[in-house]
PDB file of N, CA and C in Angstrom:
ATOM      1  N   UNK A   1       2.173  -9.857  32.066  1.00  0.00           N
ATOM      2  CA  UNK A   1       3.303 -10.646  31.530  1.00  0.00           C
ATOM      3  C   UNK A   1       2.761 -10.962  30.214  1.00  0.00           C
ATOM      4  N   UNK A   2       1.624 -11.834  30.257  1.00  0.00           N
ATOM      5  CA  UNK A   2       0.995 -12.331  28.997  1.00  0.00           C
ATOM      6  C   UNK A   2       0.811 -11.223  28.054  1.00  0.00           C
ATOM      7  N   UNK A   3       0.508 -10.274  28.264  1.00  0.00           N
ATOM      8  CA  UNK A   3       0.247  -9.150  27.315  1.00  0.00           C
ATOM      9  C   UNK A   3       1.457  -8.616  26.733  1.00  0.00           C
ATOM     10  N   UNK A   4       2.493  -8.400  27.472  1.00  0.00           N
ATOM     11  CA  UNK A   4       3.788  -8.002  27.019  1.00  0.00           C
ATOM     12  C   UNK A   4       4.258  -9.245  26.102  1.00  0.00           C
ATOM     13  N   UNK A   5       4.268 -10.438  26.321  1.00  0.00           N
ATOM     14  CA  UNK A   5       4.854 -11.407  25.458  1.00  0.00           C
ATOM     15  C   UNK A   5       4.046 -11.252  24.289  1.00  0.00           C
ATOM     16  N   UNK A   6       2.661 -10.940  24.067  1.00  0.00           N
ATOM     17  CA  UNK A   6       2.067 -10.834  22.929  1.00  0.00           C
ATOM     18  C   UNK A   6       2.369  -9.734  22.082  1.00  0.00           C
ATOM     19  N   UNK A   7       2.605  -8.590  22.941  1.00  0.00           N
ATOM     20  CA  UNK A   7       2.897  -7.270  22.187  1.00  0.00           C
ATOM     21  C   UNK A   7       4.448  -7.540  21.387  1.00  0.00           C
ATOM     22  N   UNK A   8       5.389  -8.262  22.155  1.00  0.00           N
ATOM     23  CA  UNK A   8       6.594  -8.598  21.410  1.00  0.00           C
ATOM     24  C   UNK A   8       6.527  -9.466  20.447  1.00  0.00           C
ATOM     25  N   UNK A   9       5.503 -10.445  20.221  1.00  0.00           N
ATOM     26  CA  UNK A   9       5.220 -11.443  19.127  1.00  0.00           C
ATOM     27  C   UNK A   9       4.813 -10.383  18.140  1.00  0.00           C
ATOM     28  N   UNK A  10       4.021  -9.423  18.472  1.00  0.00           N
ATOM     29  CA  UNK A  10       3.398  -8.700  17.308  1.00  0.00           C
ATOM     30  C   UNK A  10       4.345  -7.653  16.625  1.00  0.00           C
ATOM     31  N   UNK A  11       5.368  -7.182  17.578  1.00  0.00           N
ATOM     32  CA  UNK A  11       6.156  -6.460  17.202  1.00  0.00           C
ATOM     33  C   UNK A  11       7.251  -7.183  16.301  1.00  0.00           C
ATOM     34  N   UNK A  12       7.380  -8.393  16.270  1.00  0.00           N
ATOM     35  CA  UNK A  12       8.160  -9.399  15.392  1.00  0.00           C
ATOM     36  C   UNK A  12       7.590  -9.405  13.984  1.00  0.00           C
ATOM     37  N   UNK A  13       6.336  -9.222  13.895  1.00  0.00           N
ATOM     38  CA  UNK A  13       5.440  -9.328  12.786  1.00  0.00           C
ATOM     39  C   UNK A  13       5.183  -8.013  12.223  1.00  0.00           C
ATOM     40  N   UNK A  14       6.029  -6.941  12.133  1.00  0.00           N
ATOM     41  CA  UNK A  14       6.085  -5.721  11.663  1.00  0.00           C
ATOM     42  C   UNK A  14       5.586  -5.551  10.083  1.00  0.00           C
ATOM     43  N   UNK A  15       6.249  -6.478   9.392  1.00  0.00           N
ATOM     44  CA  UNK A  15       6.117  -6.600   8.016  1.00  0.00           C
ATOM     45  C   UNK A  15       4.594  -6.896   7.682  1.00  0.00           C
ATOM     46  N   UNK A  16       3.891  -7.715   8.607  1.00  0.00           N
ATOM     47  CA  UNK A  16       2.594  -8.231   8.174  1.00  0.00           C
ATOM     48  C   UNK A  16       1.729  -6.836   8.724  1.00  0.00           C
ATOM     49  N   UNK A  17       2.082  -6.163   9.698  1.00  0.00           N
ATOM     50  CA  UNK A  17       1.378  -4.968  10.300  1.00  0.00           C
ATOM     51  C   UNK A  17       1.434  -3.885   8.903  1.00  0.00           C
ATOM     52  N   UNK A  18       2.382  -3.781   8.256  1.00  0.00           N
ATOM     53  CA  UNK A  18       2.709  -2.909   7.147  1.00  0.00           C
ATOM     54  C   UNK A  18       1.814  -3.174   6.203  1.00  0.00           C
ATOM     55  N   UNK A  19       1.744  -4.475   5.820  1.00  0.00           N
ATOM     56  CA  UNK A  19       0.784  -4.956   4.524  1.00  0.00           C
ATOM     57  C   UNK A  19      -0.507  -4.511   5.092  1.00  0.00           C
ATOM     58  N   UNK A  20      -1.046  -4.816   6.176  1.00  0.00           N
ATOM     59  CA  UNK A  20      -2.447  -4.520   6.666  1.00  0.00           C
ATOM     60  C   UNK A  20      -2.848  -3.160   6.568  1.00  0.00           C
ATOM     61  N   UNK A  21      -1.656  -2.148   6.865  1.00  0.00           N
ATOM     62  CA  UNK A  21      -1.870  -0.722   6.674  1.00  0.00           C
ATOM     63  C   UNK A  21      -1.916  -0.475   5.341  1.00  0.00           C
ATOM     64  N   UNK A  22      -1.125  -1.004   4.433  1.00  0.00           N
ATOM     65  CA  UNK A  22      -1.172  -0.752   3.068  1.00  0.00           C
ATOM     66  C   UNK A  22      -2.728  -1.031   2.375  1.00  0.00           C
ATOM     67  N   UNK A  23      -3.098  -2.295   2.843  1.00  0.00           N
ATOM     68  CA  UNK A  23      -4.204  -2.574   2.300  1.00  0.00           C
ATOM     69  C   UNK A  23      -5.680  -1.694   2.941  1.00  0.00           C
ATOM     70  N   UNK A  24      -5.421  -1.312   4.177  1.00  0.00           N
ATOM     71  CA  UNK A  24      -6.326  -0.351   4.764  1.00  0.00           C
ATOM     72  C   UNK A  24      -6.387   1.078   3.934  1.00  0.00           C
ATOM     73  N   UNK A  25      -5.186   1.716   3.842  1.00  0.00           N
ATOM     74  CA  UNK A  25      -4.929   2.740   3.054  1.00  0.00           C
ATOM     75  C   UNK A  25      -5.713   2.730   1.618  1.00  0.00           C
ATOM     76  N   UNK A  26      -5.107   1.571   0.959  1.00  0.00           N
ATOM     77  CA  UNK A  26      -5.737   1.413  -0.487  1.00  0.00           C
ATOM     78  C   UNK A  26      -7.311   1.437  -0.378  1.00  0.00           C
ATOM     79  N   UNK A  27      -7.814   0.756   0.550  1.00  0.00           N
ATOM     80  CA  UNK A  27      -9.243   0.556   0.661  1.00  0.00           C
ATOM     81  C   UNK A  27      -9.994   1.843   1.025  1.00  0.00           C
ATOM     82  N   UNK A  28      -9.423   2.661   1.798  1.00  0.00           N
ATOM     83  CA  UNK A  28      -9.812   3.954   2.214  1.00  0.00           C
ATOM     84  C   UNK A  28     -10.037   4.765   0.821  1.00  0.00           C
ATOM     85  N   UNK A  29      -8.736   4.838   0.212  1.00  0.00           N
ATOM     86  CA  UNK A  29      -8.628   5.720  -1.077  1.00  0.00           C
ATOM     87  C   UNK A  29      -9.743   5.288  -2.146  1.00  0.00           C
ATOM     88  N   UNK A  30      -9.845   3.895  -2.271  1.00  0.00           N
ATOM     89  CA  UNK A  30     -10.937   3.347  -3.137  1.00  0.00           C
ATOM     90  C   UNK A  30     -12.279   3.997  -2.718  1.00  0.00           C
ATOM     91  N   UNK A  31     -12.614   3.892  -1.428  1.00  0.00           N
ATOM     92  CA  UNK A  31     -13.964   4.370  -1.070  1.00  0.00           C
ATOM     93  C   UNK A  31     -13.861   5.936  -1.424  1.00  0.00           C
ATOM     94  N   UNK A  32     -13.031   6.631  -1.123  1.00  0.00           N
ATOM     95  CA  UNK A  32     -12.975   8.040  -1.538  1.00  0.00           C
ATOM     96  C   UNK A  32     -13.275   8.213  -2.935  1.00  0.00           C
ATOM     97  N   UNK A  33     -12.519   7.585  -3.570  1.00  0.00           N
ATOM     98  CA  UNK A  33     -12.799   7.596  -5.274  1.00  0.00           C
ATOM     99  C   UNK A  33     -14.266   7.377  -5.535  1.00  0.00           C
ATOM    100  N   UNK A  34     -14.700   6.230  -4.972  1.00  0.00           N
ATOM    101  CA  UNK A  34     -16.110   5.772  -5.397  1.00  0.00           C
ATOM    102  C   UNK A  34     -17.101   6.989  -4.916  1.00  0.00           C
ATOM    103  N   UNK A  35     -16.833   7.589  -3.693  1.00  0.00           N
ATOM    104  CA  UNK A  35     -17.695   8.691  -3.126  1.00  0.00           C
ATOM    105  C   UNK A  35     -17.612   9.715  -4.096  1.00  0.00           C
ATOM    106  N   UNK A  36     -16.633  10.122  -4.587  1.00  0.00           N
ATOM    107  CA  UNK A  36     -16.453  11.262  -5.441  1.00  0.00           C
ATOM    108  C   UNK A  36     -17.020  11.204  -6.828  1.00  0.00           C
ATOM    109  N   UNK A  37     -17.320  10.051  -7.279  1.00  0.00           N
ATOM    110  CA  UNK A  37     -17.925   9.726  -8.567  1.00  0.00           C
ATOM    111  C   UNK A  37     -19.356  10.245  -8.633  1.00  0.00           C
TER     112      UNK A  37
END
């Protein structure tokens, strides 16, 4: 039950999750650019 409540709370913060995904993707792209130099 506790896990379900935390999951619901996390789903209500989908906007924050999207921001984290955008930062992670940008970070990976930056690493790829630095690696190819």
